[in-house]
């Protein structure tokens, strides 16, 4: 598996997983609570492994893409 979750994406995913877990505690229905906890577990799995199957399916992998500041510019003189 190629990592496709950047370090800057991991913090919001972790925060969303914690928030979803707290919301699940306040949810009365078993089915809805299970769905919310399953999504929180999925977000935690992407944080732990660095791989997101949704990003892979959408081909939205920018974990190894060069950052715009690292691109070199060349000056052409006449």
PDB file of N, CA and C in Angstrom:
ATOM      1  N   UNK A   1       0.840  -1.188   0.000  1.00  0.00           N
ATOM      2  CA  UNK A   1       0.000   0.000   0.000  1.00  0.00           C
ATOM      3  C   UNK A   1       0.880   1.243   0.000  1.00  0.00           C
ATOM      4  N   UNK A   2       0.566   2.137  -0.894  1.00  0.00           N
ATOM      5  CA  UNK A   2       1.289   3.390  -0.981  1.00  0.00           C
ATOM      6  C   UNK A   2       0.571   4.422  -0.121  1.00  0.00           C
ATOM      7  N   UNK A   3       1.313   5.143   0.671  1.00  0.00           N
ATOM      8  CA  UNK A   3       0.695   6.166   1.523  1.00  0.00           C
ATOM      9  C   UNK A   3       0.108   7.273   0.666  1.00  0.00           C
ATOM     10  N   UNK A   4      -1.122   7.634   0.955  1.00  0.00           N
ATOM     11  CA  UNK A   4      -1.764   8.707   0.206  1.00  0.00           C
ATOM     12  C   UNK A   4      -2.463   9.709   1.125  1.00  0.00           C
ATOM     13  N   UNK A   5      -2.107   9.688   2.391  1.00  0.00           N
ATOM     14  CA  UNK A   5      -2.629  10.658   3.357  1.00  0.00           C
ATOM     15  C   UNK A   5      -1.435  11.440   3.893  1.00  0.00           C
ATOM     16  N   UNK A   6      -1.450  12.741   3.672  1.00  0.00           N
ATOM     17  CA  UNK A   6      -0.322  13.564   4.100  1.00  0.00           C
ATOM     18  C   UNK A   6      -0.373  13.802   5.608  1.00  0.00           C
ATOM     19  N   UNK A   7       0.725  14.274   6.137  1.00  0.00           N
ATOM     20  CA  UNK A   7       0.790  14.571   7.569  1.00  0.00           C
ATOM     21  C   UNK A   7      -0.164  15.694   7.947  1.00  0.00           C
ATOM     22  N   UNK A   8      -0.372  16.625   7.032  1.00  0.00           N
ATOM     23  CA  UNK A   8      -1.289  17.736   7.332  1.00  0.00           C
ATOM     24  C   UNK A   8      -2.745  17.282   7.318  1.00  0.00           C
ATOM     25  N   UNK A   9      -3.049  16.142   6.700  1.00  0.00           N
ATOM     26  CA  UNK A   9      -4.411  15.614   6.696  1.00  0.00           C
ATOM     27  C   UNK A   9      -4.701  14.744   7.916  1.00  0.00           C
ATOM     28  N   UNK A  10      -3.675  14.277   8.566  1.00  0.00           N
ATOM     29  CA  UNK A  10      -3.878  13.353   9.687  1.00  0.00           C
ATOM     30  C   UNK A  10      -4.489  14.034  10.903  1.00  0.00           C
ATOM     31  N   UNK A  11      -4.078  15.248  11.200  1.00  0.00           N
ATOM     32  CA  UNK A  11      -4.604  15.941  12.376  1.00  0.00           C
ATOM     33  C   UNK A  11      -6.107  16.197  12.272  1.00  0.00           C
ATOM     34  N   UNK A  12      -6.613  16.724  11.144  1.00  0.00           N
ATOM     35  CA  UNK A  12      -8.072  16.897  11.064  1.00  0.00           C
ATOM     36  C   UNK A  12      -8.833  15.577  11.090  1.00  0.00           C
ATOM     37  N   UNK A  13      -8.266  14.526  10.513  1.00  0.00           N
ATOM     38  CA  UNK A  13      -8.936  13.224  10.550  1.00  0.00           C
ATOM     39  C   UNK A  13      -9.007  12.693  11.974  1.00  0.00           C
ATOM     40  N   UNK A  14      -7.948  12.902  12.736  1.00  0.00           N
ATOM     41  CA  UNK A  14      -7.946  12.467  14.133  1.00  0.00           C
ATOM     42  C   UNK A  14      -8.980  13.255  14.935  1.00  0.00           C
ATOM     43  N   UNK A  15      -9.042  14.568  14.693  1.00  0.00           N
ATOM     44  CA  UNK A  15     -10.025  15.403  15.399  1.00  0.00           C
ATOM     45  C   UNK A  15     -11.456  14.996  15.038  1.00  0.00           C
ATOM     46  N   UNK A  16     -11.700  14.695  13.765  1.00  0.00           N
ATOM     47  CA  UNK A  16     -13.035  14.256  13.354  1.00  0.00           C
ATOM     48  C   UNK A  16     -13.391  12.908  13.961  1.00  0.00           C
ATOM     49  N   UNK A  17     -12.428  12.017  14.074  1.00  0.00           N
ATOM     50  CA  UNK A  17     -12.699  10.714  14.677  1.00  0.00           C
ATOM     51  C   UNK A  17     -13.059  10.854  16.153  1.00  0.00           C
ATOM     52  N   UNK A  18     -12.355  11.720  16.858  1.00  0.00           N
ATOM     53  CA  UNK A  18     -12.667  11.950  18.273  1.00  0.00           C
ATOM     54  C   UNK A  18     -14.043  12.601  18.410  1.00  0.00           C
ATOM     55  N   UNK A  19     -14.330  13.587  17.548  1.00  0.00           N
ATOM     56  CA  UNK A  19     -15.636  14.245  17.601  1.00  0.00           C
ATOM     57  C   UNK A  19     -16.759  13.264  17.280  1.00  0.00           C
ATOM     58  N   UNK A  20     -16.550  12.395  16.301  1.00  0.00           N
ATOM     59  CA  UNK A  20     -17.575  11.403  15.954  1.00  0.00           C
ATOM     60  C   UNK A  20     -17.798  10.426  17.098  1.00  0.00           C
ATOM     61  N   UNK A  21     -16.745  10.074  17.807  1.00  0.00           N
ATOM     62  CA  UNK A  21     -16.899   9.175  18.954  1.00  0.00           C
ATOM     63  C   UNK A  21     -17.712   9.828  20.066  1.00  0.00           C
ATOM     64  N   UNK A  22     -17.488  11.111  20.282  1.00  0.00           N
ATOM     65  CA  UNK A  22     -18.255  11.828  21.307  1.00  0.00           C
ATOM     66  C   UNK A  22     -19.717  11.936  20.892  1.00  0.00           C
ATOM     67  N   UNK A  23     -19.971  12.202  19.618  1.00  0.00           N
ATOM     68  CA  UNK A  23     -21.344  12.277  19.124  1.00  0.00           C
ATOM     69  C   UNK A  23     -22.015  10.919  19.258  1.00  0.00           C
ATOM     70  N   UNK A  24     -21.281   9.848  19.012  1.00  0.00           N
ATOM     71  CA  UNK A  24     -21.859   8.505  19.116  1.00  0.00           C
ATOM     72  C   UNK A  24     -22.286   8.190  20.543  1.00  0.00           C
ATOM     73  N   UNK A  25     -21.569   8.729  21.516  1.00  0.00           N
ATOM     74  CA  UNK A  25     -21.955   8.496  22.906  1.00  0.00           C
ATOM     75  C   UNK A  25     -23.315   9.116  23.223  1.00  0.00           C
ATOM     76  N   UNK A  26     -23.634  10.233  22.557  1.00  0.00           N
ATOM     77  CA  UNK A  26     -24.893  10.923  22.824  1.00  0.00           C
ATOM     78  C   UNK A  26     -26.034  10.460  21.922  1.00  0.00           C
ATOM     79  N   UNK A  27     -25.748   9.583  20.983  1.00  0.00           N
ATOM     80  CA  UNK A  27     -26.770   9.122  20.041  1.00  0.00           C
ATOM     81  C   UNK A  27     -27.569   7.980  20.667  1.00  0.00           C
ATOM     82  N   UNK A  28     -28.900   8.072  20.646  1.00  0.00           N
ATOM     83  CA  UNK A  28     -29.711   7.042  21.313  1.00  0.00           C
ATOM     84  C   UNK A  28     -29.859   5.739  20.522  1.00  0.00           C
ATOM     85  N   UNK A  29     -29.932   5.780  19.205  1.00  0.00           N
ATOM     86  CA  UNK A  29     -30.198   4.570  18.430  1.00  0.00           C
ATOM     87  C   UNK A  29     -28.964   3.697  18.235  1.00  0.00           C
ATOM     88  N   UNK A  30     -29.158   2.384  18.281  1.00  0.00           N
ATOM     89  CA  UNK A  30     -28.039   1.458  18.120  1.00  0.00           C
ATOM     90  C   UNK A  30     -27.470   1.483  16.707  1.00  0.00           C
ATOM     91  N   UNK A  31     -28.348   1.527  15.708  1.00  0.00           N
ATOM     92  CA  UNK A  31     -27.890   1.502  14.322  1.00  0.00           C
ATOM     93  C   UNK A  31     -27.087   2.749  13.989  1.00  0.00           C
ATOM     94  N   UNK A  32     -27.617   3.893  14.326  1.00  0.00           N
ATOM     95  CA  UNK A  32     -26.927   5.151  14.044  1.00  0.00           C
ATOM     96  C   UNK A  32     -25.616   5.240  14.829  1.00  0.00           C
ATOM     97  N   UNK A  33     -25.651   4.793  16.075  1.00  0.00           N
ATOM     98  CA  UNK A  33     -24.437   4.796  16.895  1.00  0.00           C
ATOM     99  C   UNK A  33     -23.368   3.906  16.267  1.00  0.00           C
ATOM    100  N   UNK A  34     -23.778   2.748  15.764  1.00  0.00           N
ATOM    101  CA  UNK A  34     -22.832   1.841  15.116  1.00  0.00           C
ATOM    102  C   UNK A  34     -22.239   2.415  13.849  1.00  0.00           C
ATOM    103  N   UNK A  35     -23.073   3.115  13.061  1.00  0.00           N
ATOM    104  CA  UNK A  35     -22.570   3.742  11.832  1.00  0.00           C
ATOM    105  C   UNK A  35     -21.574   4.852  12.134  1.00  0.00           C
ATOM    106  N   UNK A  36     -21.876   5.645  13.152  1.00  0.00           N
ATOM    107  CA  UNK A  36     -20.970   6.735  13.526  1.00  0.00           C
ATOM    108  C   UNK A  36     -19.651   6.175  14.052  1.00  0.00           C
ATOM    109  N   UNK A  37     -19.719   5.154  14.887  1.00  0.00           N
ATOM    110  CA  UNK A  37     -18.490   4.548  15.406  1.00  0.00           C
ATOM    111  C   UNK A  37     -17.685   3.862  14.304  1.00  0.00           C
ATOM    112  N   UNK A  38     -18.362   3.275  13.323  1.00  0.00           N
ATOM    113  CA  UNK A  38     -17.649   2.654  12.202  1.00  0.00           C
ATOM    114  C   UNK A  38     -16.907   3.698  11.372  1.00  0.00           C
ATOM    115  N   UNK A  39     -17.539   4.848  11.158  1.00  0.00           N
ATOM    116  CA  UNK A  39     -16.849   5.904  10.411  1.00  0.00           C
ATOM    117  C   UNK A  39     -15.670   6.467  11.214  1.00  0.00           C
ATOM    118  N   UNK A  40     -15.834   6.571  12.535  1.00  0.00           N
ATOM    119  CA  UNK A  40     -14.723   7.026  13.382  1.00  0.00           C
ATOM    120  C   UNK A  40     -13.570   6.023  13.342  1.00  0.00           C
ATOM    121  N   UNK A  41     -13.893   4.744  13.359  1.00  0.00           N
ATOM    122  CA  UNK A  41     -12.850   3.720  13.277  1.00  0.00           C
ATOM    123  C   UNK A  41     -12.144   3.765  11.924  1.00  0.00           C
ATOM    124  N   UNK A  42     -12.889   4.030  10.869  1.00  0.00           N
ATOM    125  CA  UNK A  42     -12.268   4.162   9.555  1.00  0.00           C
ATOM    126  C   UNK A  42     -11.320   5.341   9.481  1.00  0.00           C
ATOM    127  N   UNK A  43     -11.717   6.464  10.076  1.00  0.00           N
ATOM    128  CA  UNK A  43     -10.836   7.625  10.090  1.00  0.00           C
ATOM    129  C   UNK A  43      -9.581   7.357  10.911  1.00  0.00           C
ATOM    130  N   UNK A  44      -9.737   6.670  12.037  1.00  0.00           N
ATOM    131  CA  UNK A  44      -8.568   6.324  12.841  1.00  0.00           C
ATOM    132  C   UNK A  44      -7.643   5.362  12.100  1.00  0.00           C
ATOM    133  N   UNK A  45      -8.218   4.467  11.313  1.00  0.00           N
ATOM    134  CA  UNK A  45      -7.391   3.533  10.533  1.00  0.00           C
ATOM    135  C   UNK A  45      -6.587   4.274   9.474  1.00  0.00           C
ATOM    136  N   UNK A  46      -7.187   5.289   8.844  1.00  0.00           N
ATOM    137  CA  UNK A  46      -6.430   6.049   7.849  1.00  0.00           C
ATOM    138  C   UNK A  46      -5.329   6.883   8.504  1.00  0.00           C
ATOM    139  N   UNK A  47      -5.577   7.338   9.722  1.00  0.00           N
ATOM    140  CA  UNK A  47      -4.545   8.080  10.451  1.00  0.00           C
ATOM    141  C   UNK A  47      -3.393   7.152  10.814  1.00  0.00           C
ATOM    142  N   UNK A  48      -3.708   5.963  11.263  1.00  0.00           N
ATOM    143  CA  UNK A  48      -2.676   5.026  11.712  1.00  0.00           C
ATOM    144  C   UNK A  48      -1.846   4.475  10.559  1.00  0.00           C
ATOM    145  N   UNK A  49      -2.491   4.177   9.431  1.00  0.00           N
ATOM    146  CA  UNK A  49      -1.775   3.544   8.326  1.00  0.00           C
ATOM    147  C   UNK A  49      -1.248   4.523   7.296  1.00  0.00           C
ATOM    148  N   UNK A  50      -1.870   5.694   7.181  1.00  0.00           N
ATOM    149  CA  UNK A  50      -1.461   6.644   6.160  1.00  0.00           C
ATOM    150  C   UNK A  50      -2.033   6.320   4.794  1.00  0.00           C
ATOM    151  N   UNK A  51      -2.949   5.370   4.729  1.00  0.00           N
ATOM    152  CA  UNK A  51      -3.561   4.954   3.464  1.00  0.00           C
ATOM    153  C   UNK A  51      -5.070   5.123   3.562  1.00  0.00           C
ATOM    154  N   UNK A  52      -5.655   5.771   2.561  1.00  0.00           N
ATOM    155  CA  UNK A  52      -7.098   5.962   2.504  1.00  0.00           C
ATOM    156  C   UNK A  52      -7.614   5.342   1.215  1.00  0.00           C
ATOM    157  N   UNK A  53      -8.479   4.324   1.304  1.00  0.00           N
ATOM    158  CA  UNK A  53      -8.987   3.703   0.086  1.00  0.00           C
ATOM    159  C   UNK A  53      -9.849   4.642  -0.757  1.00  0.00           C
ATOM    160  N   UNK A  54     -10.489   5.622  -0.132  1.00  0.00           N
ATOM    161  CA  UNK A  54     -11.289   6.582  -0.898  1.00  0.00           C
ATOM    162  C   UNK A  54     -10.366   7.480  -1.718  1.00  0.00           C
ATOM    163  N   UNK A  55      -9.278   7.950  -1.117  1.00  0.00           N
ATOM    164  CA  UNK A  55      -8.302   8.730  -1.874  1.00  0.00           C
ATOM    165  C   UNK A  55      -7.719   7.907  -3.013  1.00  0.00           C
ATOM    166  N   UNK A  56      -7.475   6.627  -2.770  1.00  0.00           N
ATOM    167  CA  UNK A  56      -6.925   5.763  -3.811  1.00  0.00           C
ATOM    168  C   UNK A  56      -7.923   5.579  -4.951  1.00  0.00           C
ATOM    169  N   UNK A  57      -9.199   5.425  -4.621  1.00  0.00           N
ATOM    170  CA  UNK A  57     -10.213   5.249  -5.661  1.00  0.00           C
ATOM    171  C   UNK A  57     -10.395   6.518  -6.486  1.00  0.00           C
ATOM    172  N   UNK A  58     -10.258   7.663  -5.847  1.00  0.00           N
ATOM    173  CA  UNK A  58     -10.389   8.935  -6.553  1.00  0.00           C
ATOM    174  C   UNK A  58      -9.082   9.391  -7.175  1.00  0.00           C
ATOM    175  N   UNK A  59      -8.014   8.654  -6.943  1.00  0.00           N
ATOM    176  CA  UNK A  59      -6.665   8.989  -7.406  1.00  0.00           C
ATOM    177  C   UNK A  59      -6.274  10.377  -6.912  1.00  0.00           C
ATOM    178  N   UNK A  60      -6.584  10.640  -5.653  1.00  0.00           N
ATOM    179  CA  UNK A  60      -6.291  11.936  -5.043  1.00  0.00           C
ATOM    180  C   UNK A  60      -5.083  11.834  -4.132  1.00  0.00           C
ATOM    181  N   UNK A  61      -4.072  11.113  -4.572  1.00  0.00           N
ATOM    182  CA  UNK A  61      -2.899  10.914  -3.731  1.00  0.00           C
ATOM    183  C   UNK A  61      -1.911  12.049  -3.949  1.00  0.00           C
ATOM    184  N   UNK A  62      -1.767  12.883  -2.969  1.00  0.00           N
ATOM    185  CA  UNK A  62      -0.784  13.955  -3.063  1.00  0.00           C
ATOM    186  C   UNK A  62       0.260  13.823  -1.960  1.00  0.00           C
ATOM    187  N   UNK A  63       0.376  12.647  -1.373  1.00  0.00           N
ATOM    188  CA  UNK A  63       1.342  12.453  -0.298  1.00  0.00           C
ATOM    189  C   UNK A  63       2.766  12.516  -0.813  1.00  0.00           C
ATOM    190  N   UNK A  64       2.976  12.153  -2.066  1.00  0.00           N
ATOM    191  CA  UNK A  64       4.324  12.163  -2.611  1.00  0.00           C
ATOM    192  C   UNK A  64       4.488  13.212  -3.703  1.00  0.00           C
ATOM    193  N   UNK A  65       3.503  14.047  -3.899  1.00  0.00           N
ATOM    194  CA  UNK A  65       3.602  15.093  -4.913  1.00  0.00           C
ATOM    195  C   UNK A  65       4.521  16.200  -4.423  1.00  0.00           C
ATOM    196  N   UNK A  66       5.286  16.800  -5.322  1.00  0.00           N
ATOM    197  CA  UNK A  66       6.181  17.877  -4.881  1.00  0.00           C
ATOM    198  C   UNK A  66       5.395  19.104  -4.458  1.00  0.00           C
ATOM    199  N   UNK A  67       5.901  19.754  -3.468  1.00  0.00           N
ATOM    200  CA  UNK A  67       5.267  20.965  -2.973  1.00  0.00           C
ATOM    201  C   UNK A  67       5.621  22.112  -3.918  1.00  0.00           C
ATOM    202  N   UNK A  68       4.771  23.095  -4.041  1.00  0.00           N
ATOM    203  CA  UNK A  68       4.998  24.168  -5.010  1.00  0.00           C
ATOM    204  C   UNK A  68       6.251  24.963  -4.692  1.00  0.00           C
ATOM    205  N   UNK A  69       6.651  25.010  -3.443  1.00  0.00           N
ATOM    206  CA  UNK A  69       7.855  25.768  -3.088  1.00  0.00           C
ATOM    207  C   UNK A  69       9.131  25.035  -3.467  1.00  0.00           C
ATOM    208  N   UNK A  70       9.047  23.753  -3.718  1.00  0.00           N
ATOM    209  CA  UNK A  70      10.249  23.001  -4.049  1.00  0.00           C
ATOM    210  C   UNK A  70      10.528  22.978  -5.545  1.00  0.00           C
ATOM    211  N   UNK A  71       9.583  23.464  -6.356  1.00  0.00           N
ATOM    212  CA  UNK A  71       9.794  23.463  -7.791  1.00  0.00           C
ATOM    213  C   UNK A  71      10.850  24.497  -8.169  1.00  0.00           C
ATOM    214  N   UNK A  72      11.724  24.118  -9.067  1.00  0.00           N
ATOM    215  CA  UNK A  72      12.795  25.019  -9.499  1.00  0.00           C
ATOM    216  C   UNK A  72      12.293  25.892 -10.636  1.00  0.00           C
ATOM    217  N   UNK A  73      12.756  27.112 -10.652  1.00  0.00           N
ATOM    218  CA  UNK A  73      12.457  28.004 -11.764  1.00  0.00           C
ATOM    219  C   UNK A  73      13.754  28.313 -12.492  1.00  0.00           C
ATOM    220  N   UNK A  74      13.661  28.435 -13.792  1.00  0.00           N
ATOM    221  CA  UNK A  74      14.830  28.707 -14.607  1.00  0.00           C
ATOM    222  C   UNK A  74      14.644  30.029 -15.312  1.00  0.00           C
ATOM    223  N   UNK A  75      15.706  30.775 -15.347  1.00  0.00           N
ATOM    224  CA  UNK A  75      15.676  32.074 -16.008  1.00  0.00           C
ATOM    225  C   UNK A  75      16.418  31.956 -17.337  1.00  0.00           C
ATOM    226  N   UNK A  76      15.762  32.357 -18.379  1.00  0.00           N
ATOM    227  CA  UNK A  76      16.372  32.298 -19.711  1.00  0.00           C
ATOM    228  C   UNK A  76      16.811  33.706 -20.092  1.00  0.00           C
ATOM    229  N   UNK A  77      18.110  33.841 -20.362  1.00  0.00           N
ATOM    230  CA  UNK A  77      18.632  35.144 -20.762  1.00  0.00           C
ATOM    231  C   UNK A  77      18.892  35.149 -22.259  1.00  0.00           C
ATOM    232  N   UNK A  78      18.595  36.273 -22.919  1.00  0.00           N
ATOM    233  CA  UNK A  78      18.800  36.328 -24.372  1.00  0.00           C
ATOM    234  C   UNK A  78      20.259  36.381 -24.762  1.00  0.00           C
TER     235      UNK A  78
END
